[in-house]
């Protein structure tokens, strides 16, 4: 019988969340298309999460799961999932089938602290680097919003 509760240890690599699973033949398998943003939300309270954290997932609810993902549609061999009670959607690539025979209707997910892939203990330097990167992303978003607002306040051109 297969495990009911499965675990991987994602970490931040070259600008996105990835994970390795030797037993499934996966190395630096990236999360894409909306899933990185879901992960960012899941790990927001985990110190130094970018050095690695444990991601638990299952077909059945389990104590203290954080996120319920519902299958939306198939595309390019993978499946889109929507987070319950939000509009967040993300695409899970065909690596999904390394863990499930068919695409589950619902997947339950939880992120929790772990020793991390690269550091046995978060260092102050790594924590500060993570914080700097988060702040740089926030500044970029705010700059874009500011530019959009400025364009919206410009008077229309008259011919």
N, C-alpha and C. Protein backbone atom coordinates (compact mmCIF):
# COMPACT_ATOMS: atom_id res chain seq x y z
N UNK A 1 0.84 -1.19 0.00
CA UNK A 1 0.00 0.00 0.00
C UNK A 1 0.88 1.25 0.00
N UNK A 2 0.53 2.23 -0.78
CA UNK A 2 1.28 3.47 -0.88
C UNK A 2 1.09 4.32 0.38
N UNK A 3 2.03 5.21 0.61
CA UNK A 3 1.91 6.13 1.75
C UNK A 3 0.67 6.98 1.60
N UNK A 4 0.03 7.26 2.71
CA UNK A 4 -1.12 8.16 2.73
C UNK A 4 -0.62 9.60 2.76
N UNK A 5 0.41 9.84 3.57
CA UNK A 5 0.99 11.16 3.71
C UNK A 5 2.37 11.14 3.06
N UNK A 6 2.60 12.03 2.12
CA UNK A 6 3.88 12.09 1.41
C UNK A 6 4.59 13.39 1.76
N UNK A 7 5.91 13.40 1.58
CA UNK A 7 6.69 14.58 1.92
C UNK A 7 7.80 14.80 0.90
N UNK A 8 8.01 16.06 0.59
CA UNK A 8 9.17 16.48 -0.20
C UNK A 8 9.78 17.67 0.53
N UNK A 9 11.00 18.05 0.15
CA UNK A 9 11.66 19.19 0.78
C UNK A 9 12.04 20.23 -0.26
N UNK A 10 11.10 21.11 -0.60
CA UNK A 10 11.41 22.18 -1.56
C UNK A 10 12.43 23.16 -1.00
N UNK A 11 13.12 23.82 -1.91
CA UNK A 11 14.07 24.87 -1.56
C UNK A 11 14.14 25.84 -2.73
N UNK A 12 14.71 27.02 -2.48
CA UNK A 12 14.78 28.08 -3.48
C UNK A 12 16.04 27.90 -4.31
N UNK A 13 15.89 27.89 -5.63
CA UNK A 13 17.02 27.70 -6.52
C UNK A 13 16.79 28.46 -7.81
N UNK A 14 17.70 29.31 -8.16
CA UNK A 14 17.65 30.10 -9.39
C UNK A 14 16.30 30.78 -9.62
N UNK A 15 15.80 31.40 -8.56
CA UNK A 15 14.61 32.23 -8.69
C UNK A 15 13.27 31.54 -8.58
N UNK A 16 13.25 30.27 -8.18
CA UNK A 16 11.96 29.60 -7.99
C UNK A 16 12.12 28.46 -6.99
N UNK A 17 10.98 27.92 -6.56
CA UNK A 17 10.98 26.76 -5.66
C UNK A 17 11.19 25.50 -6.49
N UNK A 18 12.06 24.62 -6.02
CA UNK A 18 12.33 23.34 -6.66
C UNK A 18 12.39 22.27 -5.58
N UNK A 19 12.41 21.00 -6.01
CA UNK A 19 12.62 19.92 -5.05
C UNK A 19 13.33 18.77 -5.76
N UNK A 20 13.97 17.96 -4.94
CA UNK A 20 14.63 16.75 -5.42
C UNK A 20 13.92 15.56 -4.80
N UNK A 21 13.79 14.49 -5.55
CA UNK A 21 13.27 13.24 -5.01
C UNK A 21 13.94 12.11 -5.77
N UNK A 22 15.03 11.63 -5.21
CA UNK A 22 15.82 10.60 -5.87
C UNK A 22 14.98 9.36 -6.18
N UNK A 23 14.08 8.99 -5.26
CA UNK A 23 13.27 7.79 -5.47
C UNK A 23 12.32 7.93 -6.66
N UNK A 24 11.98 9.19 -7.02
CA UNK A 24 11.09 9.44 -8.15
C UNK A 24 11.88 9.88 -9.40
N UNK A 25 13.20 9.95 -9.28
CA UNK A 25 14.03 10.36 -10.41
C UNK A 25 13.94 11.84 -10.72
N UNK A 26 13.68 12.66 -9.71
CA UNK A 26 13.53 14.10 -9.91
C UNK A 26 14.68 14.86 -9.26
N UNK A 27 15.24 15.81 -10.01
CA UNK A 27 16.34 16.63 -9.51
C UNK A 27 16.06 18.09 -9.88
N UNK A 28 15.96 18.94 -8.87
CA UNK A 28 15.65 20.35 -9.07
C UNK A 28 14.40 20.54 -9.93
N UNK A 29 13.39 19.75 -9.63
CA UNK A 29 12.10 19.85 -10.33
C UNK A 29 11.43 21.15 -9.91
N UNK A 30 11.18 22.07 -10.85
CA UNK A 30 10.64 23.37 -10.46
C UNK A 30 9.12 23.38 -10.31
N UNK A 31 8.67 24.22 -9.40
CA UNK A 31 7.25 24.56 -9.32
C UNK A 31 7.07 25.79 -10.20
N UNK A 32 6.00 25.82 -10.99
CA UNK A 32 5.77 26.91 -11.94
C UNK A 32 4.30 27.33 -11.93
N UNK A 33 4.00 28.36 -12.70
CA UNK A 33 2.63 28.78 -13.02
C UNK A 33 1.70 28.89 -11.81
N UNK A 34 2.00 29.79 -10.90
CA UNK A 34 1.12 30.04 -9.77
C UNK A 34 1.46 29.27 -8.51
N UNK A 35 2.12 28.13 -8.65
CA UNK A 35 2.46 27.34 -7.47
C UNK A 35 3.52 28.04 -6.61
N UNK A 36 4.55 28.69 -7.20
CA UNK A 36 5.51 29.39 -6.33
C UNK A 36 4.85 30.42 -5.41
N UNK A 37 3.85 31.13 -5.92
CA UNK A 37 3.15 32.11 -5.11
C UNK A 37 2.36 31.42 -3.98
N UNK A 38 1.78 30.27 -4.26
CA UNK A 38 1.09 29.52 -3.21
C UNK A 38 2.08 29.09 -2.13
N UNK A 39 3.26 28.63 -2.57
CA UNK A 39 4.29 28.21 -1.62
C UNK A 39 4.75 29.40 -0.78
N UNK A 40 4.96 30.55 -1.43
CA UNK A 40 5.36 31.75 -0.68
C UNK A 40 4.39 32.01 0.46
N UNK A 41 3.11 31.88 0.19
CA UNK A 41 2.09 32.11 1.21
C UNK A 41 2.17 31.04 2.32
N UNK A 42 2.38 29.79 1.93
CA UNK A 42 2.45 28.71 2.92
C UNK A 42 3.64 28.87 3.87
N UNK A 43 4.76 29.38 3.37
CA UNK A 43 5.99 29.43 4.17
C UNK A 43 6.27 30.79 4.79
N UNK A 44 5.34 31.71 4.69
CA UNK A 44 5.62 33.08 5.15
C UNK A 44 6.03 33.15 6.62
N UNK A 45 5.64 32.19 7.43
CA UNK A 45 6.01 32.20 8.85
C UNK A 45 7.11 31.20 9.19
N UNK A 46 7.73 30.60 8.18
CA UNK A 46 8.82 29.65 8.42
C UNK A 46 10.15 30.37 8.20
N UNK A 47 10.93 30.55 9.25
CA UNK A 47 12.21 31.23 9.09
C UNK A 47 13.14 30.49 8.12
N UNK A 48 13.77 31.23 7.25
CA UNK A 48 14.77 30.69 6.32
C UNK A 48 14.22 29.55 5.46
N UNK A 49 12.96 29.64 5.08
CA UNK A 49 12.31 28.58 4.30
C UNK A 49 13.03 28.33 2.98
N UNK A 50 13.65 29.35 2.44
CA UNK A 50 14.31 29.18 1.13
C UNK A 50 15.49 28.22 1.19
N UNK A 51 15.98 27.95 2.38
CA UNK A 51 17.03 26.95 2.52
C UNK A 51 16.45 25.54 2.56
N UNK A 52 15.14 25.45 2.61
CA UNK A 52 14.45 24.17 2.59
C UNK A 52 13.42 24.06 3.69
N UNK A 53 12.33 23.41 3.38
CA UNK A 53 11.26 23.16 4.34
C UNK A 53 10.58 21.86 3.93
N UNK A 54 9.79 21.30 4.82
CA UNK A 54 9.07 20.06 4.52
C UNK A 54 7.68 20.41 4.01
N UNK A 55 7.30 19.82 2.87
CA UNK A 55 5.97 19.99 2.31
C UNK A 55 5.28 18.64 2.36
N UNK A 56 4.25 18.56 3.19
CA UNK A 56 3.47 17.33 3.33
C UNK A 56 2.25 17.45 2.43
N UNK A 57 1.87 16.34 1.79
CA UNK A 57 0.68 16.36 0.94
C UNK A 57 0.02 14.99 0.95
N UNK A 58 -1.30 14.99 0.72
CA UNK A 58 -2.08 13.77 0.84
C UNK A 58 -3.40 13.90 0.08
N UNK A 59 -3.97 12.74 -0.23
CA UNK A 59 -5.30 12.69 -0.84
C UNK A 59 -6.41 12.88 0.20
N UNK A 60 -6.05 12.69 1.45
CA UNK A 60 -7.04 12.78 2.53
C UNK A 60 -6.63 13.88 3.50
N UNK A 61 -7.60 14.54 4.12
CA UNK A 61 -7.25 15.57 5.10
C UNK A 61 -6.42 14.98 6.24
N UNK A 62 -5.52 15.78 6.79
CA UNK A 62 -4.72 15.35 7.93
C UNK A 62 -4.62 16.51 8.91
N UNK A 63 -4.31 16.24 10.18
CA UNK A 63 -4.31 17.31 11.19
C UNK A 63 -3.44 18.50 10.77
N UNK A 64 -3.98 19.65 10.92
CA UNK A 64 -3.36 20.96 10.67
C UNK A 64 -2.92 21.20 9.23
N UNK A 65 -3.57 20.53 8.26
CA UNK A 65 -3.25 20.87 6.86
C UNK A 65 -3.60 22.34 6.66
N UNK A 66 -2.86 23.00 5.76
CA UNK A 66 -3.03 24.44 5.55
C UNK A 66 -3.83 24.78 4.30
N UNK A 67 -3.77 23.90 3.32
CA UNK A 67 -4.31 24.26 2.02
C UNK A 67 -5.01 23.07 1.39
N UNK A 68 -6.17 23.35 0.82
CA UNK A 68 -6.91 22.33 0.08
C UNK A 68 -6.94 22.77 -1.39
N UNK A 69 -6.35 21.94 -2.24
CA UNK A 69 -6.29 22.24 -3.66
C UNK A 69 -7.29 21.37 -4.41
N UNK A 70 -8.10 21.99 -5.25
CA UNK A 70 -9.11 21.27 -6.03
C UNK A 70 -8.73 21.30 -7.51
N UNK A 71 -8.79 20.13 -8.12
CA UNK A 71 -8.44 20.02 -9.54
C UNK A 71 -9.42 20.83 -10.38
N UNK A 72 -8.88 21.58 -11.34
CA UNK A 72 -9.69 22.44 -12.19
C UNK A 72 -9.75 21.89 -13.62
N UNK A 73 -8.58 21.68 -14.24
CA UNK A 73 -8.56 21.20 -15.63
C UNK A 73 -7.19 20.65 -15.98
N UNK A 74 -7.16 19.85 -17.02
CA UNK A 74 -5.92 19.28 -17.55
C UNK A 74 -5.35 20.22 -18.59
N UNK A 75 -4.02 20.35 -18.61
CA UNK A 75 -3.37 21.14 -19.66
C UNK A 75 -1.92 20.67 -19.79
N UNK A 76 -1.51 20.37 -21.00
CA UNK A 76 -0.14 19.97 -21.32
C UNK A 76 0.38 18.83 -20.45
N UNK A 77 -0.47 17.88 -20.16
CA UNK A 77 -0.06 16.70 -19.39
C UNK A 77 -0.07 16.89 -17.90
N UNK A 78 -0.25 18.13 -17.44
CA UNK A 78 -0.36 18.41 -16.01
C UNK A 78 -1.77 18.87 -15.70
N UNK A 79 -1.98 19.34 -14.48
CA UNK A 79 -3.31 19.77 -14.06
C UNK A 79 -3.25 21.08 -13.29
N UNK A 80 -4.25 21.92 -13.55
CA UNK A 80 -4.43 23.15 -12.79
C UNK A 80 -5.23 22.83 -11.54
N UNK A 81 -4.81 23.44 -10.42
CA UNK A 81 -5.49 23.29 -9.14
C UNK A 81 -5.80 24.67 -8.58
N UNK A 82 -6.93 24.78 -7.90
CA UNK A 82 -7.35 26.04 -7.27
C UNK A 82 -7.34 25.85 -5.76
N UNK A 83 -6.78 26.84 -5.06
CA UNK A 83 -6.77 26.83 -3.60
C UNK A 83 -8.15 27.18 -3.08
N UNK A 84 -8.64 26.39 -2.14
CA UNK A 84 -9.97 26.63 -1.57
C UNK A 84 -10.03 28.00 -0.89
N UNK A 85 -11.15 28.66 -1.06
CA UNK A 85 -11.43 29.97 -0.46
C UNK A 85 -10.56 31.10 -1.00
N UNK A 86 -9.88 30.88 -2.13
CA UNK A 86 -9.11 31.96 -2.76
C UNK A 86 -9.27 31.82 -4.27
N UNK A 87 -8.73 32.78 -4.98
CA UNK A 87 -8.75 32.68 -6.44
C UNK A 87 -7.40 32.15 -6.96
N UNK A 88 -6.50 31.79 -6.04
CA UNK A 88 -5.17 31.33 -6.43
C UNK A 88 -5.26 30.00 -7.18
N UNK A 89 -4.59 29.96 -8.33
CA UNK A 89 -4.51 28.72 -9.11
C UNK A 89 -3.06 28.45 -9.46
N UNK A 90 -2.74 27.17 -9.58
CA UNK A 90 -1.39 26.78 -9.97
C UNK A 90 -1.42 25.49 -10.77
N UNK A 91 -0.41 25.35 -11.62
CA UNK A 91 -0.32 24.18 -12.50
C UNK A 91 0.70 23.21 -11.93
N UNK A 92 0.28 21.96 -11.76
CA UNK A 92 1.19 20.90 -11.34
C UNK A 92 1.54 20.08 -12.57
N UNK A 93 2.84 20.02 -12.86
CA UNK A 93 3.33 19.37 -14.08
C UNK A 93 3.17 17.85 -14.00
N UNK A 94 3.50 17.13 -15.07
CA UNK A 94 3.34 15.68 -15.07
C UNK A 94 4.14 14.93 -13.99
N UNK A 95 5.06 15.62 -13.30
CA UNK A 95 5.75 14.98 -12.17
C UNK A 95 4.73 14.56 -11.10
N UNK A 96 3.55 15.15 -11.14
CA UNK A 96 2.44 14.77 -10.25
C UNK A 96 2.22 13.26 -10.26
N UNK A 97 2.43 12.65 -11.45
CA UNK A 97 2.15 11.22 -11.60
C UNK A 97 3.26 10.34 -11.03
N UNK A 98 4.31 10.94 -10.51
CA UNK A 98 5.32 10.19 -9.76
C UNK A 98 4.78 9.84 -8.37
N UNK A 99 3.72 10.57 -7.96
CA UNK A 99 3.16 10.41 -6.62
C UNK A 99 1.73 9.86 -6.63
N UNK A 100 1.02 10.07 -7.73
CA UNK A 100 -0.36 9.62 -7.84
C UNK A 100 -0.57 8.94 -9.18
N UNK A 101 -1.36 7.86 -9.20
CA UNK A 101 -1.64 7.16 -10.46
C UNK A 101 -2.47 8.03 -11.40
N UNK A 102 -3.44 8.74 -10.84
CA UNK A 102 -4.26 9.67 -11.61
C UNK A 102 -4.25 11.01 -10.87
N UNK A 103 -4.57 12.08 -11.58
CA UNK A 103 -4.60 13.40 -10.95
C UNK A 103 -5.71 13.44 -9.89
N UNK A 104 -5.35 13.68 -8.64
CA UNK A 104 -6.38 13.70 -7.58
C UNK A 104 -7.38 14.83 -7.76
N UNK A 105 -8.59 14.59 -7.35
CA UNK A 105 -9.61 15.63 -7.34
C UNK A 105 -9.23 16.72 -6.32
N UNK A 106 -8.73 16.27 -5.16
CA UNK A 106 -8.33 17.20 -4.08
C UNK A 106 -6.98 16.75 -3.52
N UNK A 107 -6.13 17.72 -3.23
CA UNK A 107 -4.85 17.47 -2.56
C UNK A 107 -4.79 18.37 -1.33
N UNK A 108 -4.43 17.80 -0.19
CA UNK A 108 -4.28 18.54 1.05
C UNK A 108 -2.79 18.77 1.30
N UNK A 109 -2.44 19.98 1.74
CA UNK A 109 -1.03 20.38 1.79
C UNK A 109 -0.72 21.10 3.10
N UNK A 110 0.52 20.89 3.57
CA UNK A 110 1.01 21.62 4.74
C UNK A 110 2.51 21.85 4.58
N UNK A 111 2.97 23.05 4.91
CA UNK A 111 4.40 23.37 4.93
C UNK A 111 4.82 23.47 6.39
N UNK A 112 5.98 22.89 6.69
CA UNK A 112 6.50 23.00 8.04
C UNK A 112 8.02 23.10 8.01
N UNK A 113 8.56 23.60 9.08
CA UNK A 113 10.00 23.78 9.17
C UNK A 113 10.71 22.43 9.13
N UNK A 114 11.90 22.46 8.55
CA UNK A 114 12.76 21.27 8.57
C UNK A 114 14.18 21.75 8.73
N UNK A 115 15.11 20.85 8.73
CA UNK A 115 16.52 21.24 8.87
C UNK A 115 17.02 21.92 7.61
N UNK A 116 16.32 21.75 6.50
CA UNK A 116 16.73 22.41 5.26
C UNK A 116 17.71 21.59 4.47
N UNK A 117 17.70 21.79 3.18
CA UNK A 117 18.56 21.03 2.28
C UNK A 117 20.02 21.41 2.42
N UNK A 118 20.29 22.70 2.60
CA UNK A 118 21.67 23.16 2.57
C UNK A 118 22.20 23.57 3.93
N UNK A 119 21.36 24.00 4.82
CA UNK A 119 21.82 24.45 6.13
C UNK A 119 21.17 23.62 7.21
N UNK A 120 21.98 23.16 8.17
CA UNK A 120 21.38 22.44 9.28
C UNK A 120 20.70 23.43 10.22
N UNK A 121 21.15 24.67 10.23
CA UNK A 121 20.56 25.71 11.04
C UNK A 121 20.54 27.00 10.23
N UNK A 122 19.43 27.73 10.26
CA UNK A 122 19.42 29.00 9.53
C UNK A 122 20.49 29.93 10.10
N UNK A 123 21.27 30.52 9.24
CA UNK A 123 22.26 31.49 9.69
C UNK A 123 21.66 32.87 9.61
N UNK A 124 22.22 33.77 10.38
CA UNK A 124 21.73 35.15 10.34
C UNK A 124 21.91 35.73 8.94
N UNK A 125 23.05 35.40 8.30
CA UNK A 125 23.31 35.90 6.95
C UNK A 125 22.26 35.40 5.96
N UNK A 126 21.94 34.10 6.01
CA UNK A 126 20.94 33.54 5.09
C UNK A 126 19.57 34.16 5.33
N UNK A 127 19.23 34.36 6.60
CA UNK A 127 17.94 34.96 6.94
C UNK A 127 17.88 36.39 6.40
N UNK A 128 18.97 37.14 6.56
CA UNK A 128 19.00 38.51 6.04
C UNK A 128 18.94 38.55 4.52
N UNK A 129 19.63 37.63 3.86
CA UNK A 129 19.57 37.56 2.39
C UNK A 129 18.15 37.28 1.92
N UNK A 130 17.47 36.34 2.59
CA UNK A 130 16.08 36.04 2.24
C UNK A 130 15.22 37.28 2.41
N UNK A 131 15.42 38.00 3.51
CA UNK A 131 14.62 39.19 3.78
C UNK A 131 14.88 40.28 2.73
N UNK A 132 16.14 40.44 2.35
CA UNK A 132 16.49 41.43 1.32
C UNK A 132 15.79 41.08 0.01
N UNK A 133 15.82 39.80 -0.37
CA UNK A 133 15.16 39.39 -1.62
C UNK A 133 13.66 39.64 -1.55
N UNK A 134 13.04 39.34 -0.40
CA UNK A 134 11.61 39.58 -0.25
C UNK A 134 11.31 41.08 -0.39
N UNK A 135 12.14 41.92 0.23
CA UNK A 135 11.93 43.37 0.16
C UNK A 135 12.15 43.89 -1.26
N UNK A 136 13.14 43.35 -1.97
CA UNK A 136 13.36 43.76 -3.36
C UNK A 136 12.14 43.42 -4.22
N UNK A 137 11.55 42.24 -4.00
CA UNK A 137 10.36 41.87 -4.75
C UNK A 137 9.21 42.82 -4.43
N UNK A 138 9.07 43.16 -3.16
CA UNK A 138 8.00 44.08 -2.75
C UNK A 138 8.21 45.46 -3.38
N UNK A 139 9.44 45.96 -3.39
CA UNK A 139 9.73 47.25 -4.02
C UNK A 139 9.37 47.20 -5.50
N UNK A 140 9.70 46.11 -6.18
CA UNK A 140 9.37 45.97 -7.60
C UNK A 140 7.86 46.02 -7.82
N UNK A 141 7.10 45.29 -6.99
CA UNK A 141 5.64 45.29 -7.12
C UNK A 141 5.07 46.69 -6.89
N UNK A 142 5.56 47.35 -5.83
CA UNK A 142 5.06 48.69 -5.52
C UNK A 142 5.41 49.69 -6.62
N UNK A 143 6.59 49.54 -7.21
CA UNK A 143 6.98 50.42 -8.31
C UNK A 143 6.03 50.25 -9.49
N UNK A 144 5.72 49.01 -9.83
CA UNK A 144 4.77 48.75 -10.92
C UNK A 144 3.40 49.35 -10.63
N UNK A 145 2.92 49.13 -9.40
CA UNK A 145 1.62 49.68 -9.03
C UNK A 145 1.63 51.21 -9.13
N UNK A 146 2.72 51.83 -8.67
CA UNK A 146 2.85 53.28 -8.72
C UNK A 146 2.81 53.78 -10.17
N UNK A 147 3.52 53.10 -11.06
CA UNK A 147 3.53 53.49 -12.47
C UNK A 147 2.12 53.36 -13.07
N UNK A 148 1.42 52.29 -12.74
CA UNK A 148 0.06 52.12 -13.25
C UNK A 148 -0.86 53.23 -12.74
N UNK A 149 -0.72 53.57 -11.46
CA UNK A 149 -1.54 54.64 -10.91
C UNK A 149 -1.24 55.98 -11.56
N UNK A 150 0.04 56.26 -11.81
CA UNK A 150 0.42 57.51 -12.48
C UNK A 150 -0.20 57.60 -13.87
N UNK A 151 -0.17 56.48 -14.61
CA UNK A 151 -0.74 56.46 -15.94
C UNK A 151 -2.25 56.70 -15.87
N UNK A 152 -2.89 56.17 -14.83
CA UNK A 152 -4.32 56.35 -14.68
C UNK A 152 -4.71 57.78 -14.35
N UNK A 153 -3.79 58.55 -13.77
CA UNK A 153 -4.07 59.94 -13.41
C UNK A 153 -3.75 60.93 -14.52
N UNK A 154 -3.05 60.48 -15.56
CA UNK A 154 -2.72 61.37 -16.67
C UNK A 154 -3.97 61.75 -17.44
N UNK A 155 -4.06 63.04 -17.82
CA UNK A 155 -5.24 63.44 -18.60
C UNK A 155 -5.24 62.79 -19.97
N UNK A 156 -6.40 62.47 -20.51
CA UNK A 156 -6.46 61.85 -21.85
C UNK A 156 -5.94 62.80 -22.90
N UNK A 157 -5.34 62.22 -23.92
CA UNK A 157 -4.84 63.02 -25.05
C UNK A 157 -6.01 63.42 -25.95
N UNK A 158 -6.06 64.69 -26.32
CA UNK A 158 -7.12 65.18 -27.22
C UNK A 158 -6.51 65.46 -28.58
N UNK A 159 -7.18 65.09 -29.62
CA UNK A 159 -6.70 65.34 -30.98
C UNK A 159 -7.39 66.52 -31.58
